[in-house]
Amino acid sequence: MGYELRVVREAPLAFAEVAKAIAPAGFELRGSHEIVARHGDGTHAVGAWREQVIGAPGSDWQVAQLVRLAGVLGARLIGEDGEVYGLREGVVEVVADGSVIELGKLDEMIDAGPAAWSR
C-alpha cells in the first residue's frame, strides 16, 4: 500500500459506528471492510476498516472522499507524516509544519472522479 491517510478521532471509532454513519453520506461497504463511493456507473474504493479507517489515495477524488468521510465521522484526516487534511470554506487543504496548502475545491475534486494521478 502507498502513502496512508488515517481517519482519527479523540474517542476511538468502532466498526458499527462507521457502518451506521457512512450510508447517509453516500458511502457503502463492499465486502466486509472496504468503504466505497459511487462515481459514474461504478463504485470505487475510498478506504478500508483496519481497526480504524485507512486510505491510500491515488487520486484527488480519493483524498476529497476521505476528507468527507472524516467529517461525517467527526474525525480528522491525518497523514503518515502528521499533516492534517481538512475542509475550509469548500476547499480541501493540508496543514503541515505551520504551512497551509490548498489542494482544490472539494466539489471540483469530487466531480473530477477517481482517475489515478500520473506518476
PDB file of N, CA and C in Angstrom:
ATOM      1  N   MET A   1       0.849  -1.171   0.000  1.00  0.00           N
ATOM      2  CA  MET A   1       0.000   0.000   0.000  1.00  0.00           C
ATOM      3  C   MET A   1       0.894   1.233   0.000  1.00  0.00           C
ATOM      4  N   GLY A   2       0.450   2.300  -0.667  1.00  0.00           N
ATOM      5  CA  GLY A   2       1.224   3.526  -0.742  1.00  0.00           C
ATOM      6  C   GLY A   2       1.100   4.356   0.521  1.00  0.00           C
ATOM      7  N   TYR A   3       1.213   5.646   0.368  1.00  0.00           N
ATOM      8  CA  TYR A   3       1.124   6.573   1.486  1.00  0.00           C
ATOM      9  C   TYR A   3      -0.264   6.492   2.111  1.00  0.00           C
ATOM     10  N   GLU A   4      -0.327   6.311   3.409  1.00  0.00           N
ATOM     11  CA  GLU A   4      -1.611   6.121   4.074  1.00  0.00           C
ATOM     12  C   GLU A   4      -2.079   7.377   4.790  1.00  0.00           C
ATOM     13  N   LEU A   5      -3.393   7.573   4.727  1.00  0.00           N
ATOM     14  CA  LEU A   5      -4.074   8.608   5.492  1.00  0.00           C
ATOM     15  C   LEU A   5      -5.009   7.896   6.453  1.00  0.00           C
ATOM     16  N   ARG A   6      -5.064   8.372   7.699  1.00  0.00           N
ATOM     17  CA  ARG A   6      -5.882   7.742   8.727  1.00  0.00           C
ATOM     18  C   ARG A   6      -6.968   8.696   9.206  1.00  0.00           C
ATOM     19  N   VAL A   7      -8.166   8.157   9.403  1.00  0.00           N
ATOM     20  CA  VAL A   7      -9.272   8.914   9.975  1.00  0.00           C
ATOM     21  C   VAL A   7      -9.179   8.712  11.487  1.00  0.00           C
ATOM     22  N   VAL A   8      -8.894   9.795  12.208  1.00  0.00           N
ATOM     23  CA  VAL A   8      -8.612   9.714  13.639  1.00  0.00           C
ATOM     24  C   VAL A   8      -9.566  10.621  14.404  1.00  0.00           C
ATOM     25  N   ARG A   9     -10.049  10.094  15.517  1.00  0.00           N
ATOM     26  CA  ARG A   9     -10.941  10.871  16.376  1.00  0.00           C
ATOM     27  C   ARG A   9     -10.494  10.687  17.820  1.00  0.00           C
ATOM     28  N   GLU A  10     -10.790  11.671  18.665  1.00  0.00           N
ATOM     29  CA  GLU A  10     -10.408  11.593  20.086  1.00  0.00           C
ATOM     30  C   GLU A  10     -10.930  10.310  20.712  1.00  0.00           C
ATOM     31  N   ALA A  11     -12.240  10.061  20.573  1.00  0.00           N
ATOM     32  CA  ALA A  11     -12.813   8.801  21.053  1.00  0.00           C
ATOM     33  C   ALA A  11     -12.672   7.803  19.912  1.00  0.00           C
ATOM     34  N   PRO A  12     -12.041   6.665  20.158  1.00  0.00           N
ATOM     35  CA  PRO A  12     -11.834   5.704  19.070  1.00  0.00           C
ATOM     36  C   PRO A  12     -13.142   5.317  18.372  1.00  0.00           C
ATOM     37  N   LEU A  13     -13.037   5.088  17.089  1.00  0.00           N
ATOM     38  CA  LEU A  13     -14.180   4.672  16.296  1.00  0.00           C
ATOM     39  C   LEU A  13     -14.392   3.171  16.420  1.00  0.00           C
ATOM     40  N   ALA A  14     -15.636   2.775  16.464  1.00  0.00           N
ATOM     41  CA  ALA A  14     -15.991   1.360  16.421  1.00  0.00           C
ATOM     42  C   ALA A  14     -16.532   1.064  15.028  1.00  0.00           C
ATOM     43  N   PHE A  15     -16.319  -0.152  14.541  1.00  0.00           N
ATOM     44  CA  PHE A  15     -16.773  -0.512  13.208  1.00  0.00           C
ATOM     45  C   PHE A  15     -18.271  -0.299  13.043  1.00  0.00           C
ATOM     46  N   ALA A  16     -19.055  -0.662  14.037  1.00  0.00           N
ATOM     47  CA  ALA A  16     -20.512  -0.498  13.949  1.00  0.00           C
ATOM     48  C   ALA A  16     -20.888   0.977  13.766  1.00  0.00           C
ATOM     49  N   GLU A  17     -20.163   1.856  14.419  1.00  0.00           N
ATOM     50  CA  GLU A  17     -20.407   3.297  14.306  1.00  0.00           C
ATOM     51  C   GLU A  17     -20.080   3.781  12.889  1.00  0.00           C
ATOM     52  N   VAL A  18     -18.976   3.306  12.352  1.00  0.00           N
ATOM     53  CA  VAL A  18     -18.590   3.666  10.987  1.00  0.00           C
ATOM     54  C   VAL A  18     -19.642   3.164  10.006  1.00  0.00           C
ATOM     55  N   ALA A  19     -20.025   1.902  10.138  1.00  0.00           N
ATOM     56  CA  ALA A  19     -21.001   1.307   9.223  1.00  0.00           C
ATOM     57  C   ALA A  19     -22.325   2.063   9.243  1.00  0.00           C
ATOM     58  N   LYS A  20     -22.747   2.504  10.411  1.00  0.00           N
ATOM     59  CA  LYS A  20     -24.016   3.226  10.544  1.00  0.00           C
ATOM     60  C   LYS A  20     -23.935   4.635   9.960  1.00  0.00           C
ATOM     61  N   ALA A  21     -22.798   5.299  10.103  1.00  0.00           N
ATOM     62  CA  ALA A  21     -22.662   6.700   9.708  1.00  0.00           C
ATOM     63  C   ALA A  21     -22.418   6.906   8.217  1.00  0.00           C
ATOM     64  N   ILE A  22     -21.843   5.918   7.533  1.00  0.00           N
ATOM     65  CA  ILE A  22     -21.405   6.168   6.162  1.00  0.00           C
ATOM     66  C   ILE A  22     -22.535   6.182   5.136  1.00  0.00           C
ATOM     67  N   ALA A  23     -23.547   5.353   5.302  1.00  0.00           N
ATOM     68  CA  ALA A  23     -24.613   5.249   4.295  1.00  0.00           C
ATOM     69  C   ALA A  23     -25.332   6.574   4.036  1.00  0.00           C
ATOM     70  N   PRO A  24     -25.743   7.310   5.065  1.00  0.00           N
ATOM     71  CA  PRO A  24     -26.427   8.586   4.791  1.00  0.00           C
ATOM     72  C   PRO A  24     -25.557   9.593   4.034  1.00  0.00           C
ATOM     73  N   ALA A  25     -24.239   9.422   4.093  1.00  0.00           N
ATOM     74  CA  ALA A  25     -23.324  10.340   3.406  1.00  0.00           C
ATOM     75  C   ALA A  25     -22.968   9.862   1.998  1.00  0.00           C
ATOM     76  N   GLY A  26     -23.573   8.741   1.569  1.00  0.00           N
ATOM     77  CA  GLY A  26     -23.328   8.251   0.220  1.00  0.00           C
ATOM     78  C   GLY A  26     -22.211   7.242   0.083  1.00  0.00           C
ATOM     79  N   PHE A  27     -21.658   6.776   1.196  1.00  0.00           N
ATOM     80  CA  PHE A  27     -20.633   5.744   1.163  1.00  0.00           C
ATOM     81  C   PHE A  27     -21.295   4.386   1.348  1.00  0.00           C
ATOM     82  N   GLU A  28     -20.616   3.335   0.929  1.00  0.00           N
ATOM     83  CA  GLU A  28     -21.123   1.974   1.075  1.00  0.00           C
ATOM     84  C   GLU A  28     -19.992   1.078   1.555  1.00  0.00           C
ATOM     85  N   LEU A  29     -20.379  -0.062   2.094  1.00  0.00           N
ATOM     86  CA  LEU A  29     -19.399  -1.096   2.421  1.00  0.00           C
ATOM     87  C   LEU A  29     -19.398  -2.121   1.305  1.00  0.00           C
ATOM     88  N   ARG A  30     -18.213  -2.498   0.867  1.00  0.00           N
ATOM     89  CA  ARG A  30     -18.058  -3.570  -0.120  1.00  0.00           C
ATOM     90  C   ARG A  30     -17.267  -4.668   0.572  1.00  0.00           C
ATOM     91  N   GLY A  31     -17.791  -5.871   0.505  1.00  0.00           N
ATOM     92  CA  GLY A  31     -17.165  -6.936   1.279  1.00  0.00           C
ATOM     93  C   GLY A  31     -17.397  -6.637   2.742  1.00  0.00           C
ATOM     94  N   SER A  32     -16.484  -7.033   3.563  1.00  0.00           N
ATOM     95  CA  SER A  32     -16.700  -6.808   4.985  1.00  0.00           C
ATOM     96  C   SER A  32     -16.090  -5.514   5.508  1.00  0.00           C
ATOM     97  N   HIS A  33     -15.076  -4.969   4.818  1.00  0.00           N
ATOM     98  CA  HIS A  33     -14.406  -3.813   5.416  1.00  0.00           C
ATOM     99  C   HIS A  33     -13.984  -2.710   4.449  1.00  0.00           C
ATOM    100  N   GLU A  34     -14.259  -2.824   3.171  1.00  0.00           N
ATOM    101  CA  GLU A  34     -13.852  -1.789   2.224  1.00  0.00           C
ATOM    102  C   GLU A  34     -14.951  -0.733   2.106  1.00  0.00           C
ATOM    103  N   ILE A  35     -14.568   0.524   2.209  1.00  0.00           N
ATOM    104  CA  ILE A  35     -15.503   1.643   2.081  1.00  0.00           C
ATOM    105  C   ILE A  35     -15.368   2.201   0.671  1.00  0.00           C
ATOM    106  N   VAL A  36     -16.495   2.297  -0.018  1.00  0.00           N
ATOM    107  CA  VAL A  36     -16.507   2.755  -1.400  1.00  0.00           C
ATOM    108  C   VAL A  36     -17.484   3.916  -1.562  1.00  0.00           C
ATOM    109  N   ALA A  37     -17.310   4.647  -2.663  1.00  0.00           N
ATOM    110  CA  ALA A  37     -18.236   5.715  -3.033  1.00  0.00           C
ATOM    111  C   ALA A  37     -18.522   5.582  -4.521  1.00  0.00           C
ATOM    112  N   ARG A  38     -19.667   6.037  -4.916  1.00  0.00           N
ATOM    113  CA  ARG A  38     -20.073   5.961  -6.314  1.00  0.00           C
ATOM    114  C   ARG A  38     -19.520   7.135  -7.117  1.00  0.00           C
ATOM    115  N   HIS A  39     -19.170   6.811  -8.343  1.00  0.00           N
ATOM    116  CA  HIS A  39     -18.851   7.834  -9.344  1.00  0.00           C
ATOM    117  C   HIS A  39     -19.212   7.235 -10.688  1.00  0.00           C
ATOM    118  N   GLY A  40     -20.014   7.950 -11.439  1.00  0.00           N
ATOM    119  CA  GLY A  40     -20.475   7.403 -12.704  1.00  0.00           C
ATOM    120  C   GLY A  40     -21.307   6.163 -12.444  1.00  0.00           C
ATOM    121  N   ASP A  41     -21.040   5.126 -13.208  1.00  0.00           N
ATOM    122  CA  ASP A  41     -21.801   3.882 -13.082  1.00  0.00           C
ATOM    123  C   ASP A  41     -21.191   2.883 -12.103  1.00  0.00           C
ATOM    124  N   GLY A  42     -20.113   3.245 -11.439  1.00  0.00           N
ATOM    125  CA  GLY A  42     -19.448   2.264 -10.595  1.00  0.00           C
ATOM    126  C   GLY A  42     -19.157   2.773  -9.202  1.00  0.00           C
ATOM    127  N   THR A  43     -18.635   1.866  -8.390  1.00  0.00           N
ATOM    128  CA  THR A  43     -18.161   2.231  -7.060  1.00  0.00           C
ATOM    129  C   THR A  43     -16.644   2.098  -7.045  1.00  0.00           C
ATOM    130  N   HIS A  44     -16.031   2.942  -6.259  1.00  0.00           N
ATOM    131  CA  HIS A  44     -14.572   2.995  -6.208  1.00  0.00           C
ATOM    132  C   HIS A  44     -14.124   3.062  -4.754  1.00  0.00           C
ATOM    133  N   ALA A  45     -13.025   2.421  -4.459  1.00  0.00           N
ATOM    134  CA  ALA A  45     -12.505   2.364  -3.092  1.00  0.00           C
ATOM    135  C   ALA A  45     -12.124   3.746  -2.582  1.00  0.00           C
ATOM    136  N   VAL A  46     -12.486   3.995  -1.342  1.00  0.00           N
ATOM    137  CA  VAL A  46     -12.097   5.216  -0.642  1.00  0.00           C
ATOM    138  C   VAL A  46     -11.140   4.859   0.491  1.00  0.00           C
ATOM    139  N   GLY A  47     -11.468   3.815   1.224  1.00  0.00           N
ATOM    140  CA  GLY A  47     -10.653   3.396   2.353  1.00  0.00           C
ATOM    141  C   GLY A  47     -11.084   2.026   2.824  1.00  0.00           C
ATOM    142  N   ALA A  48     -10.508   1.617   3.927  1.00  0.00           N
ATOM    143  CA  ALA A  48     -10.835   0.307   4.489  1.00  0.00           C
ATOM    144  C   ALA A  48     -10.785   0.384   6.005  1.00  0.00           C
ATOM    145  N   TRP A  49     -11.544  -0.479   6.642  1.00  0.00           N
ATOM    146  CA  TRP A  49     -11.534  -0.583   8.096  1.00  0.00           C
ATOM    147  C   TRP A  49     -10.461  -1.592   8.509  1.00  0.00           C
ATOM    148  N   ARG A  50      -9.486  -1.119   9.264  1.00  0.00           N
ATOM    149  CA  ARG A  50      -8.456  -1.984   9.855  1.00  0.00           C
ATOM    150  C   ARG A  50      -8.215  -1.485  11.284  1.00  0.00           C
ATOM    151  N   GLU A  51      -9.241  -1.674  12.126  1.00  0.00           N
ATOM    152  CA  GLU A  51      -9.274  -1.142  13.491  1.00  0.00           C
ATOM    153  C   GLU A  51      -9.334   0.382  13.506  1.00  0.00           C
ATOM    154  N   GLN A  52      -9.282   0.993  12.349  1.00  0.00           N
ATOM    155  CA  GLN A  52      -9.532   2.404  12.097  1.00  0.00           C
ATOM    156  C   GLN A  52      -9.719   2.529  10.595  1.00  0.00           C
ATOM    157  N   VAL A  53     -10.225   3.672  10.146  1.00  0.00           N
ATOM    158  CA  VAL A  53     -10.396   3.868   8.707  1.00  0.00           C
ATOM    159  C   VAL A  53      -9.074   4.360   8.144  1.00  0.00           C
ATOM    160  N   ILE A  54      -8.586   3.640   7.127  1.00  0.00           N
ATOM    161  CA  ILE A  54      -7.312   3.972   6.488  1.00  0.00           C
ATOM    162  C   ILE A  54      -7.519   4.015   4.989  1.00  0.00           C
ATOM    163  N   GLY A  55      -6.938   5.006   4.349  1.00  0.00           N
ATOM    164  CA  GLY A  55      -6.979   5.095   2.897  1.00  0.00           C
ATOM    165  C   GLY A  55      -5.585   5.318   2.346  1.00  0.00           C
ATOM    166  N   ALA A  56      -5.377   4.871   1.130  1.00  0.00           N
ATOM    167  CA  ALA A  56      -4.114   5.103   0.419  1.00  0.00           C
ATOM    168  C   ALA A  56      -4.496   5.720  -0.921  1.00  0.00           C
ATOM    169  N   PRO A  57      -4.764   7.019  -0.921  1.00  0.00           N
ATOM    170  CA  PRO A  57      -5.302   7.644  -2.130  1.00  0.00           C
ATOM    171  C   PRO A  57      -4.334   7.635  -3.299  1.00  0.00           C
ATOM    172  N   GLY A  58      -4.934   7.455  -4.472  1.00  0.00           N
ATOM    173  CA  GLY A  58      -4.186   7.525  -5.720  1.00  0.00           C
ATOM    174  C   GLY A  58      -4.748   8.598  -6.628  1.00  0.00           C
ATOM    175  N   SER A  59      -5.687   9.400  -6.084  1.00  0.00           N
ATOM    176  CA  SER A  59      -6.302  10.475  -6.874  1.00  0.00           C
ATOM    177  C   SER A  59      -6.801  11.572  -5.938  1.00  0.00           C
ATOM    178  N   ASP A  60      -7.005  12.754  -6.511  1.00  0.00           N
ATOM    179  CA  ASP A  60      -7.585  13.850  -5.734  1.00  0.00           C
ATOM    180  C   ASP A  60      -8.981  13.474  -5.257  1.00  0.00           C
ATOM    181  N   TRP A  61      -9.721  12.724  -6.098  1.00  0.00           N
ATOM    182  CA  TRP A  61     -11.059  12.276  -5.743  1.00  0.00           C
ATOM    183  C   TRP A  61     -11.029  11.478  -4.446  1.00  0.00           C
ATOM    184  N   GLN A  62     -10.066  10.568  -4.317  1.00  0.00           N
ATOM    185  CA  GLN A  62      -9.975   9.766  -3.104  1.00  0.00           C
ATOM    186  C   GLN A  62      -9.620  10.619  -1.892  1.00  0.00           C
ATOM    187  N   VAL A  63      -8.733  11.586  -2.063  1.00  0.00           N
ATOM    188  CA  VAL A  63      -8.403  12.490  -0.955  1.00  0.00           C
ATOM    189  C   VAL A  63      -9.656  13.246  -0.534  1.00  0.00           C
ATOM    190  N   ALA A  64     -10.389  13.786  -1.502  1.00  0.00           N
ATOM    191  CA  ALA A  64     -11.607  14.536  -1.195  1.00  0.00           C
ATOM    192  C   ALA A  64     -12.628  13.645  -0.493  1.00  0.00           C
ATOM    193  N   GLN A  65     -12.768  12.410  -0.946  1.00  0.00           N
ATOM    194  CA  GLN A  65     -13.715  11.494  -0.307  1.00  0.00           C
ATOM    195  C   GLN A  65     -13.278  11.167   1.126  1.00  0.00           C
ATOM    196  N   LEU A  66     -12.000  11.007   1.359  1.00  0.00           N
ATOM    197  CA  LEU A  66     -11.506  10.750   2.713  1.00  0.00           C
ATOM    198  C   LEU A  66     -11.743  11.953   3.627  1.00  0.00           C
ATOM    199  N   VAL A  67     -11.585  13.155   3.081  1.00  0.00           N
ATOM    200  CA  VAL A  67     -11.881  14.368   3.854  1.00  0.00           C
ATOM    201  C   VAL A  67     -13.365  14.381   4.219  1.00  0.00           C
ATOM    202  N   ARG A  68     -14.226  14.068   3.253  1.00  0.00           N
ATOM    203  CA  ARG A  68     -15.680  13.991   3.516  1.00  0.00           C
ATOM    204  C   ARG A  68     -15.978  12.948   4.584  1.00  0.00           C
ATOM    205  N   LEU A  69     -15.372  11.779   4.438  1.00  0.00           N
ATOM    206  CA  LEU A  69     -15.605  10.684   5.373  1.00  0.00           C
ATOM    207  C   LEU A  69     -15.183  11.070   6.788  1.00  0.00           C
ATOM    208  N   ALA A  70     -14.028  11.695   6.921  1.00  0.00           N
ATOM    209  CA  ALA A  70     -13.570  12.153   8.239  1.00  0.00           C
ATOM    210  C   ALA A  70     -14.587  13.122   8.840  1.00  0.00           C
ATOM    211  N   GLY A  71     -15.111  14.027   8.026  1.00  0.00           N
ATOM    212  CA  GLY A  71     -16.114  14.972   8.507  1.00  0.00           C
ATOM    213  C   GLY A  71     -17.382  14.291   8.983  1.00  0.00           C
ATOM    214  N   VAL A  72     -17.841  13.310   8.221  1.00  0.00           N
ATOM    215  CA  VAL A  72     -19.033  12.544   8.584  1.00  0.00           C
ATOM    216  C   VAL A  72     -18.844  11.861   9.939  1.00  0.00           C
ATOM    217  N   LEU A  73     -17.641  11.399  10.202  1.00  0.00           N
ATOM    218  CA  LEU A  73     -17.347  10.664  11.428  1.00  0.00           C
ATOM    219  C   LEU A  73     -16.896  11.573  12.577  1.00  0.00           C
ATOM    220  N   GLY A  74     -16.884  12.886  12.345  1.00  0.00           N
ATOM    221  CA  GLY A  74     -16.448  13.810  13.389  1.00  0.00           C
ATOM    222  C   GLY A  74     -14.989  13.612  13.745  1.00  0.00           C
ATOM    223  N   ALA A  75     -14.187  13.333  12.729  1.00  0.00           N
ATOM    224  CA  ALA A  75     -12.785  12.994  12.943  1.00  0.00           C
ATOM    225  C   ALA A  75     -11.875  13.899  12.112  1.00  0.00           C
ATOM    226  N   ARG A  76     -10.584  13.646  12.211  1.00  0.00           N
ATOM    227  CA  ARG A  76      -9.581  14.350  11.409  1.00  0.00           C
ATOM    228  C   ARG A  76      -8.918  13.349  10.478  1.00  0.00           C
ATOM    229  N   LEU A  77      -8.442  13.834   9.350  1.00  0.00           N
ATOM    230  CA  LEU A  77      -7.702  13.008   8.397  1.00  0.00           C
ATOM    231  C   LEU A  77      -6.231  13.363   8.538  1.00  0.00           C
ATOM    232  N   ILE A  78      -5.419  12.377   8.923  1.00  0.00           N
ATOM    233  CA  ILE A  78      -4.017  12.630   9.234  1.00  0.00           C
ATOM    234  C   ILE A  78      -3.118  11.748   8.378  1.00  0.00           C
ATOM    235  N   GLY A  79      -2.085  12.353   7.813  1.00  0.00           N
ATOM    236  CA  GLY A  79      -1.115  11.631   7.001  1.00  0.00           C
ATOM    237  C   GLY A  79      -0.034  10.992   7.844  1.00  0.00           C
ATOM    238  N   GLU A  80       0.747  10.146   7.215  1.00  0.00           N
ATOM    239  CA  GLU A  80       1.824   9.430   7.901  1.00  0.00           C
ATOM    240  C   GLU A  80       2.840  10.363   8.547  1.00  0.00           C
ATOM    241  N   ASP A  81       3.011  11.544   7.971  1.00  0.00           N
ATOM    242  CA  ASP A  81       3.993  12.490   8.489  1.00  0.00           C
ATOM    243  C   ASP A  81       3.386  13.507   9.453  1.00  0.00           C
ATOM    244  N   GLY A  82       2.123  13.278   9.854  1.00  0.00           N
ATOM    245  CA  GLY A  82       1.473  14.155  10.825  1.00  0.00           C
ATOM    246  C   GLY A  82       0.714  15.320  10.234  1.00  0.00           C
ATOM    247  N   GLU A  83       0.728  15.462   8.924  1.00  0.00           N
ATOM    248  CA  GLU A  83      -0.030  16.549   8.313  1.00  0.00           C
ATOM    249  C   GLU A  83      -1.525  16.274   8.458  1.00  0.00           C
ATOM    250  N   VAL A  84      -2.310  17.351   8.518  1.00  0.00           N
ATOM    251  CA  VAL A  84      -3.745  17.240   8.719  1.00  0.00           C
ATOM    252  C   VAL A  84      -4.461  17.768   7.480  1.00  0.00           C
ATOM    253  N   TYR A  85      -5.332  16.931   6.925  1.00  0.00           N
ATOM    254  CA  TYR A  85      -6.139  17.292   5.766  1.00  0.00           C
ATOM    255  C   TYR A  85      -7.492  17.748   6.270  1.00  0.00           C
ATOM    256  N   GLY A  86      -7.994  18.833   5.726  1.00  0.00           N
ATOM    257  CA  GLY A  86      -9.280  19.343   6.185  1.00  0.00           C
ATOM    258  C   GLY A  86     -10.007  20.103   5.106  1.00  0.00           C
ATOM    259  N   LEU A  87     -11.154  20.616   5.483  1.00  0.00           N
ATOM    260  CA  LEU A  87     -12.010  21.369   4.575  1.00  0.00           C
ATOM    261  C   LEU A  87     -12.309  22.710   5.209  1.00  0.00           C
ATOM    262  N   ARG A  88     -12.025  23.766   4.467  1.00  0.00           N
ATOM    263  CA  ARG A  88     -12.325  25.118   4.950  1.00  0.00           C
ATOM    264  C   ARG A  88     -12.940  25.893   3.806  1.00  0.00           C
ATOM    265  N   GLU A  89     -14.181  26.332   4.043  1.00  0.00           N
ATOM    266  CA  GLU A  89     -14.908  27.125   3.049  1.00  0.00           C
ATOM    267  C   GLU A  89     -14.946  26.429   1.696  1.00  0.00           C
ATOM    268  N   GLY A  90     -15.159  25.106   1.713  1.00  0.00           N
ATOM    269  CA  GLY A  90     -15.291  24.340   0.481  1.00  0.00           C
ATOM    270  C   GLY A  90     -13.988  23.964  -0.196  1.00  0.00           C
ATOM    271  N   VAL A  91     -12.871  24.283   0.435  1.00  0.00           N
ATOM    272  CA  VAL A  91     -11.559  23.994  -0.144  1.00  0.00           C
ATOM    273  C   VAL A  91     -10.837  22.951   0.717  1.00  0.00           C
ATOM    274  N   VAL A  92     -10.327  21.916   0.068  1.00  0.00           N
ATOM    275  CA  VAL A  92      -9.533  20.895   0.759  1.00  0.00           C
ATOM    276  C   VAL A  92      -8.126  21.454   0.923  1.00  0.00           C
ATOM    277  N   GLU A  93      -7.631  21.369   2.154  1.00  0.00           N
ATOM    278  CA  GLU A  93      -6.299  21.884   2.426  1.00  0.00           C
ATOM    279  C   GLU A  93      -5.528  20.935   3.314  1.00  0.00           C
ATOM    280  N   VAL A  94      -4.210  21.100   3.292  1.00  0.00           N
ATOM    281  CA  VAL A  94      -3.302  20.318   4.124  1.00  0.00           C
ATOM    282  C   VAL A  94      -2.542  21.291   5.007  1.00  0.00           C
ATOM    283  N   VAL A  95      -2.486  20.992   6.295  1.00  0.00           N
ATOM    284  CA  VAL A  95      -1.713  21.796   7.231  1.00  0.00           C
ATOM    285  C   VAL A  95      -0.543  20.942   7.703  1.00  0.00           C
ATOM    286  N   ALA A  96       0.653  21.434   7.439  1.00  0.00           N
ATOM    287  CA  ALA A  96       1.870  20.713   7.824  1.00  0.00           C
ATOM    288  C   ALA A  96       2.949  21.717   8.195  1.00  0.00           C
ATOM    289  N   ASP A  97       3.569  21.491   9.329  1.00  0.00           N
ATOM    290  CA  ASP A  97       4.670  22.349   9.788  1.00  0.00           C
ATOM    291  C   ASP A  97       4.302  23.827   9.765  1.00  0.00           C
ATOM    292  N   GLY A  98       3.062  24.134  10.131  1.00  0.00           N
ATOM    293  CA  GLY A  98       2.613  25.516  10.196  1.00  0.00           C
ATOM    294  C   GLY A  98       2.231  26.126   8.865  1.00  0.00           C
ATOM    295  N   SER A  99       2.378  25.398   7.791  1.00  0.00           N
ATOM    296  CA  SER A  99       2.014  25.905   6.465  1.00  0.00           C
ATOM    297  C   SER A  99       0.696  25.291   6.021  1.00  0.00           C
ATOM    298  N   VAL A 100      -0.072  26.071   5.273  1.00  0.00           N
ATOM    299  CA  VAL A 100      -1.346  25.598   4.728  1.00  0.00           C
ATOM    300  C   VAL A 100      -1.225  25.558   3.214  1.00  0.00           C
ATOM    301  N   ILE A 101      -1.546  24.393   2.652  1.00  0.00           N
ATOM    302  CA  ILE A 101      -1.515  24.224   1.194  1.00  0.00           C
ATOM    303  C   ILE A 101      -2.915  23.851   0.744  1.00  0.00           C
ATOM    304  N   GLU A 102      -3.461  24.636  -0.174  1.00  0.00           N
ATOM    305  CA  GLU A 102      -4.778  24.338  -0.725  1.00  0.00           C
ATOM    306  C   GLU A 102      -4.630  23.314  -1.840  1.00  0.00           C
ATOM    307  N   LEU A 103      -5.406  22.225  -1.754  1.00  0.00           N
ATOM    308  CA  LEU A 103      -5.364  21.188  -2.781  1.00  0.00           C
ATOM    309  C   LEU A 103      -6.388  21.423  -3.878  1.00  0.00           C
ATOM    310  N   GLY A 104      -7.493  22.053  -3.543  1.00  0.00           N
ATOM    311  CA  GLY A 104      -8.520  22.329  -4.539  1.00  0.00           C
ATOM    312  C   GLY A 104      -9.892  22.391  -3.914  1.00  0.00           C
ATOM    313  N   LYS A 105     -10.862  22.803  -4.726  1.00  0.00           N
ATOM    314  CA  LYS A 105     -12.238  22.874  -4.261  1.00  0.00           C
ATOM    315  C   LYS A 105     -12.807  21.457  -4.169  1.00  0.00           C
ATOM    316  N   LEU A 106     -13.447  21.174  -3.043  1.00  0.00           N
ATOM    317  CA  LEU A 106     -13.986  19.842  -2.808  1.00  0.00           C
ATOM    318  C   LEU A 106     -14.902  19.400  -3.947  1.00  0.00           C
ATOM    319  N   ASP A 107     -15.846  20.243  -4.339  1.00  0.00           N
ATOM    320  CA  ASP A 107     -16.798  19.864  -5.391  1.00  0.00           C
ATOM    321  C   ASP A 107     -16.090  19.528  -6.700  1.00  0.00           C
ATOM    322  N   GLU A 108     -15.084  20.295  -7.052  1.00  0.00           N
ATOM    323  CA  GLU A 108     -14.347  20.036  -8.292  1.00  0.00           C
ATOM    324  C   GLU A 108     -13.548  18.739  -8.204  1.00  0.00           C
ATOM    325  N   MET A 109     -12.982  18.470  -7.038  1.00  0.00           N
ATOM    326  CA  MET A 109     -12.215  17.236  -6.846  1.00  0.00           C
ATOM    327  C   MET A 109     -13.138  16.019  -6.941  1.00  0.00           C
ATOM    328  N   ILE A 110     -14.334  16.129  -6.380  1.00  0.00           N
ATOM    329  CA  ILE A 110     -15.306  15.032  -6.441  1.00  0.00           C
ATOM    330  C   ILE A 110     -15.788  14.849  -7.876  1.00  0.00           C
ATOM    331  N   ASP A 111     -16.116  15.949  -8.548  1.00  0.00           N
ATOM    332  CA  ASP A 111     -16.614  15.873  -9.926  1.00  0.00           C
ATOM    333  C   ASP A 111     -15.577  15.281 -10.880  1.00  0.00           C
ATOM    334  N   ALA A 112     -14.298  15.499 -10.611  1.00  0.00           N
ATOM    335  CA  ALA A 112     -13.232  15.014 -11.492  1.00  0.00           C
ATOM    336  C   ALA A 112     -13.163  13.490 -11.538  1.00  0.00           C
ATOM    337  N   GLY A 113     -13.647  12.846 -10.490  1.00  0.00           N
ATOM    338  CA  GLY A 113     -13.669  11.381 -10.482  1.00  0.00           C
ATOM    339  C   GLY A 113     -12.371  10.770 -10.020  1.00  0.00           C
ATOM    340  N   PRO A 114     -12.379   9.445  -9.945  1.00  0.00           N
ATOM    341  CA  PRO A 114     -11.263   8.718  -9.337  1.00  0.00           C
ATOM    342  C   PRO A 114     -10.104   8.372 -10.269  1.00  0.00           C
ATOM    343  N   ALA A 115      -9.926   9.114 -11.347  1.00  0.00           N
ATOM    344  CA  ALA A 115      -8.788   8.840 -12.239  1.00  0.00           C
ATOM    345  C   ALA A 115      -7.488   8.963 -11.451  1.00  0.00           C
ATOM    346  N   ALA A 116      -6.612   7.994 -11.612  1.00  0.00           N
ATOM    347  CA  ALA A 116      -5.349   7.943 -10.874  1.00  0.00           C
ATOM    348  C   ALA A 116      -4.432   9.098 -11.263  1.00  0.00           C
ATOM    349  N   TRP A 117      -3.629   9.512 -10.290  1.00  0.00           N
ATOM    350  CA  TRP A 117      -2.604  10.520 -10.535  1.00  0.00           C
ATOM    351  C   TRP A 117      -1.588   9.973 -11.530  1.00  0.00           C
ATOM    352  N   SER A 118      -1.035  10.861 -12.314  1.00  0.00           N
ATOM    353  CA  SER A 118       0.080  10.472 -13.200  1.00  0.00           C
ATOM    354  C   SER A 118       1.325  10.345 -12.353  1.00  0.00           C
ATOM    355  N   ARG A 119       2.108   9.384 -12.622  1.00  0.00           N
ATOM    356  CA  ARG A 119       3.322   9.166 -11.809  1.00  0.00           C
ATOM    357  C   ARG A 119       4.530   9.655 -12.551  1.00  0.00           C
TER     358      ARG A 119
END
